[in-house]
Amino acid sequence: MADAERPDTIEREMEETRERLAETVDQLVYRANPKTIVRREVNAVKAHFVDAEGNPRTENILKVVGGVAGFVALLVVIRKVTS
């Protein structure tokens, strides 16, 4: 009787393994999709500047604005020195 049940058990385990592999492949395809990657990165950038409640994170915004202003000021100084 154990020999008769063994092929059924193996077939069931193989089917379960196939299903798990199919789910894993589907997840990998979804995660590697360029649109999904872009959406994930856009959400990460938004999360850096806006909190979960939709309020702006002024400390992060001010850091970026300060960095851009500093870079522009540096470019202006370089142009004046070289001209």
N, C-alpha and C. Protein backbone atom coordinates (compact mmCIF):
# COMPACT_ATOMS: atom_id res chain seq x y z
N MET A 1 0.81 -1.18 0.00
CA MET A 1 0.00 0.00 0.00
C MET A 1 0.87 1.26 0.00
N ALA A 2 1.99 1.22 0.68
CA ALA A 2 2.88 2.37 0.70
C ALA A 2 3.44 2.62 -0.69
N ASP A 3 3.69 1.54 -1.46
CA ASP A 3 4.21 1.72 -2.82
C ASP A 3 3.17 2.34 -3.73
N ALA A 4 1.89 2.07 -3.51
CA ALA A 4 0.83 2.62 -4.34
C ALA A 4 0.63 4.10 -4.05
N GLU A 5 0.83 4.51 -2.81
CA GLU A 5 0.65 5.91 -2.44
C GLU A 5 1.86 6.76 -2.83
N ARG A 6 2.99 6.14 -2.96
CA ARG A 6 4.24 6.88 -3.25
C ARG A 6 4.17 7.68 -4.56
N PRO A 7 3.73 7.13 -5.68
CA PRO A 7 3.66 7.92 -6.91
C PRO A 7 2.69 9.10 -6.80
N ASP A 8 1.58 8.90 -6.09
CA ASP A 8 0.64 10.00 -5.89
C ASP A 8 1.27 11.13 -5.08
N THR A 9 2.01 10.75 -4.06
CA THR A 9 2.68 11.74 -3.22
C THR A 9 3.73 12.50 -4.03
N ILE A 10 4.50 11.78 -4.82
CA ILE A 10 5.52 12.42 -5.64
C ILE A 10 4.89 13.36 -6.65
N GLU A 11 3.82 12.92 -7.29
CA GLU A 11 3.13 13.78 -8.27
C GLU A 11 2.58 15.04 -7.61
N ARG A 12 2.01 14.89 -6.42
CA ARG A 12 1.47 16.04 -5.69
C ARG A 12 2.59 17.01 -5.33
N GLU A 13 3.71 16.48 -4.84
CA GLU A 13 4.84 17.33 -4.48
C GLU A 13 5.40 18.04 -5.72
N MET A 14 5.45 17.34 -6.84
CA MET A 14 5.94 17.96 -8.07
C MET A 14 5.01 19.09 -8.51
N GLU A 15 3.71 18.87 -8.41
CA GLU A 15 2.75 19.91 -8.79
C GLU A 15 2.87 21.12 -7.87
N GLU A 16 3.02 20.89 -6.58
CA GLU A 16 3.20 21.99 -5.63
C GLU A 16 4.48 22.76 -5.94
N THR A 17 5.53 22.04 -6.26
CA THR A 17 6.80 22.69 -6.61
C THR A 17 6.65 23.51 -7.88
N ARG A 18 5.96 22.97 -8.88
CA ARG A 18 5.71 23.72 -10.12
C ARG A 18 4.95 25.01 -9.83
N GLU A 19 3.95 24.93 -8.99
CA GLU A 19 3.16 26.11 -8.66
C GLU A 19 4.00 27.16 -7.96
N ARG A 20 4.84 26.73 -7.01
CA ARG A 20 5.71 27.68 -6.32
C ARG A 20 6.70 28.32 -7.29
N LEU A 21 7.26 27.52 -8.18
CA LEU A 21 8.19 28.05 -9.16
C LEU A 21 7.49 29.04 -10.10
N ALA A 22 6.29 28.72 -10.51
CA ALA A 22 5.53 29.62 -11.39
C ALA A 22 5.27 30.95 -10.68
N GLU A 23 4.91 30.90 -9.41
CA GLU A 23 4.68 32.13 -8.65
C GLU A 23 5.97 32.93 -8.53
N THR A 24 7.08 32.24 -8.28
CA THR A 24 8.36 32.92 -8.16
C THR A 24 8.75 33.59 -9.48
N VAL A 25 8.57 32.88 -10.58
CA VAL A 25 8.89 33.45 -11.89
C VAL A 25 8.00 34.66 -12.16
N ASP A 26 6.72 34.56 -11.85
CA ASP A 26 5.80 35.68 -12.04
C ASP A 26 6.24 36.90 -11.22
N GLN A 27 6.66 36.66 -9.98
CA GLN A 27 7.12 37.75 -9.14
C GLN A 27 8.39 38.39 -9.72
N LEU A 28 9.31 37.57 -10.20
CA LEU A 28 10.54 38.09 -10.78
C LEU A 28 10.25 38.89 -12.05
N VAL A 29 9.35 38.41 -12.88
CA VAL A 29 8.99 39.14 -14.10
C VAL A 29 8.37 40.49 -13.74
N TYR A 30 7.50 40.49 -12.74
CA TYR A 30 6.87 41.74 -12.31
C TYR A 30 7.92 42.71 -11.77
N ARG A 31 8.80 42.22 -10.91
CA ARG A 31 9.81 43.09 -10.29
C ARG A 31 10.83 43.60 -11.28
N ALA A 32 11.10 42.84 -12.35
CA ALA A 32 12.10 43.25 -13.33
C ALA A 32 11.49 44.08 -14.46
N ASN A 33 10.18 44.26 -14.47
CA ASN A 33 9.52 45.05 -15.49
C ASN A 33 9.97 46.51 -15.36
N PRO A 34 10.42 47.13 -16.46
CA PRO A 34 10.89 48.52 -16.37
C PRO A 34 9.85 49.49 -15.79
N LYS A 35 8.58 49.31 -16.11
CA LYS A 35 7.56 50.19 -15.56
C LYS A 35 7.47 50.04 -14.04
N THR A 36 7.61 48.81 -13.57
CA THR A 36 7.57 48.57 -12.13
C THR A 36 8.77 49.21 -11.45
N ILE A 37 9.93 49.10 -12.08
CA ILE A 37 11.15 49.69 -11.51
C ILE A 37 11.00 51.20 -11.43
N VAL A 38 10.51 51.82 -12.51
CA VAL A 38 10.33 53.27 -12.52
C VAL A 38 9.33 53.68 -11.45
N ARG A 39 8.22 52.97 -11.36
CA ARG A 39 7.20 53.30 -10.35
C ARG A 39 7.79 53.20 -8.95
N ARG A 40 8.58 52.16 -8.71
CA ARG A 40 9.18 51.97 -7.38
C ARG A 40 10.15 53.11 -7.06
N GLU A 41 10.96 53.53 -8.05
CA GLU A 41 11.92 54.61 -7.83
C GLU A 41 11.21 55.95 -7.64
N VAL A 42 10.16 56.20 -8.41
CA VAL A 42 9.39 57.44 -8.26
C VAL A 42 8.78 57.49 -6.87
N ASN A 43 8.24 56.38 -6.41
CA ASN A 43 7.66 56.33 -5.06
C ASN A 43 8.72 56.57 -4.00
N ALA A 44 9.94 56.07 -4.23
CA ALA A 44 11.02 56.28 -3.26
C ALA A 44 11.40 57.75 -3.19
N VAL A 45 11.47 58.41 -4.35
CA VAL A 45 11.80 59.84 -4.37
C VAL A 45 10.69 60.64 -3.71
N LYS A 46 9.44 60.31 -4.05
CA LYS A 46 8.31 61.02 -3.42
C LYS A 46 8.34 60.84 -1.91
N ALA A 47 8.64 59.64 -1.45
CA ALA A 47 8.67 59.37 -0.01
C ALA A 47 9.76 60.20 0.67
N HIS A 48 10.80 60.55 -0.07
CA HIS A 48 11.88 61.35 0.51
C HIS A 48 11.41 62.79 0.75
N PHE A 49 10.49 63.28 -0.09
CA PHE A 49 10.05 64.66 0.01
C PHE A 49 8.65 64.84 0.60
N VAL A 50 7.87 63.77 0.69
CA VAL A 50 6.52 63.84 1.23
C VAL A 50 6.32 62.68 2.20
N ASP A 51 5.76 62.97 3.38
CA ASP A 51 5.54 61.89 4.34
C ASP A 51 4.28 61.09 3.98
N ALA A 52 3.98 60.08 4.77
CA ALA A 52 2.86 59.19 4.48
C ALA A 52 1.51 59.90 4.50
N GLU A 53 1.42 61.00 5.23
CA GLU A 53 0.17 61.75 5.32
C GLU A 53 0.02 62.77 4.20
N GLY A 54 1.04 62.91 3.35
CA GLY A 54 0.98 63.85 2.24
C GLY A 54 1.56 65.22 2.57
N ASN A 55 2.13 65.37 3.75
CA ASN A 55 2.74 66.64 4.14
C ASN A 55 4.18 66.71 3.64
N PRO A 56 4.60 67.89 3.18
CA PRO A 56 5.98 68.00 2.68
C PRO A 56 7.00 67.85 3.81
N ARG A 57 8.11 67.25 3.48
CA ARG A 57 9.22 67.12 4.43
C ARG A 57 10.17 68.28 4.15
N THR A 58 9.92 69.39 4.83
CA THR A 58 10.64 70.62 4.52
C THR A 58 12.15 70.49 4.74
N GLU A 59 12.57 69.71 5.71
CA GLU A 59 14.01 69.58 5.96
C GLU A 59 14.72 68.96 4.75
N ASN A 60 14.11 67.97 4.12
CA ASN A 60 14.71 67.35 2.94
C ASN A 60 14.63 68.28 1.73
N ILE A 61 13.51 68.97 1.60
CA ILE A 61 13.35 69.91 0.48
C ILE A 61 14.38 71.02 0.60
N LEU A 62 14.57 71.57 1.81
CA LEU A 62 15.53 72.65 2.00
C LEU A 62 16.96 72.19 1.73
N LYS A 63 17.28 70.97 2.06
CA LYS A 63 18.62 70.45 1.77
C LYS A 63 18.88 70.43 0.27
N VAL A 64 17.91 69.96 -0.49
CA VAL A 64 18.08 69.89 -1.95
C VAL A 64 18.15 71.30 -2.53
N VAL A 65 17.26 72.18 -2.11
CA VAL A 65 17.26 73.56 -2.61
C VAL A 65 18.59 74.23 -2.26
N GLY A 66 19.08 74.03 -1.07
CA GLY A 66 20.37 74.59 -0.67
C GLY A 66 21.52 74.05 -1.51
N GLY A 67 21.48 72.76 -1.80
CA GLY A 67 22.52 72.17 -2.65
C GLY A 67 22.50 72.72 -4.06
N VAL A 68 21.30 72.86 -4.61
CA VAL A 68 21.18 73.41 -5.97
C VAL A 68 21.63 74.87 -5.98
N ALA A 69 21.22 75.64 -4.99
CA ALA A 69 21.62 77.05 -4.92
C ALA A 69 23.13 77.18 -4.77
N GLY A 70 23.73 76.33 -3.96
CA GLY A 70 25.18 76.34 -3.80
C GLY A 70 25.90 76.00 -5.09
N PHE A 71 25.38 75.03 -5.83
CA PHE A 71 25.98 74.64 -7.10
C PHE A 71 25.88 75.78 -8.11
N VAL A 72 24.72 76.43 -8.18
CA VAL A 72 24.55 77.56 -9.10
C VAL A 72 25.49 78.69 -8.72
N ALA A 73 25.61 78.97 -7.43
CA ALA A 73 26.53 80.02 -6.97
C ALA A 73 27.96 79.67 -7.35
N LEU A 74 28.34 78.43 -7.22
CA LEU A 74 29.68 77.99 -7.61
C LEU A 74 29.91 78.21 -9.10
N LEU A 75 28.92 77.88 -9.93
CA LEU A 75 29.04 78.09 -11.37
C LEU A 75 29.20 79.57 -11.70
N VAL A 76 28.44 80.44 -11.01
CA VAL A 76 28.53 81.87 -11.24
C VAL A 76 29.92 82.37 -10.87
N VAL A 77 30.44 81.94 -9.75
CA VAL A 77 31.78 82.36 -9.30
C VAL A 77 32.83 81.89 -10.30
N ILE A 78 32.72 80.67 -10.76
CA ILE A 78 33.69 80.12 -11.74
C ILE A 78 33.65 80.93 -13.03
N ARG A 79 32.45 81.27 -13.49
CA ARG A 79 32.33 82.05 -14.74
C ARG A 79 32.94 83.43 -14.58
N LYS A 80 32.75 84.06 -13.41
CA LYS A 80 33.31 85.39 -13.19
C LYS A 80 34.82 85.35 -13.11
N VAL A 81 35.36 84.31 -12.49
CA VAL A 81 36.81 84.18 -12.35
C VAL A 81 37.46 83.91 -13.70
N THR A 82 36.83 83.08 -14.51
CA THR A 82 37.43 82.72 -15.79
C THR A 82 37.22 83.77 -16.89
N SER A 83 36.31 84.71 -16.68
CA SER A 83 36.07 85.69 -17.75
C SER A 83 36.69 87.02 -17.47
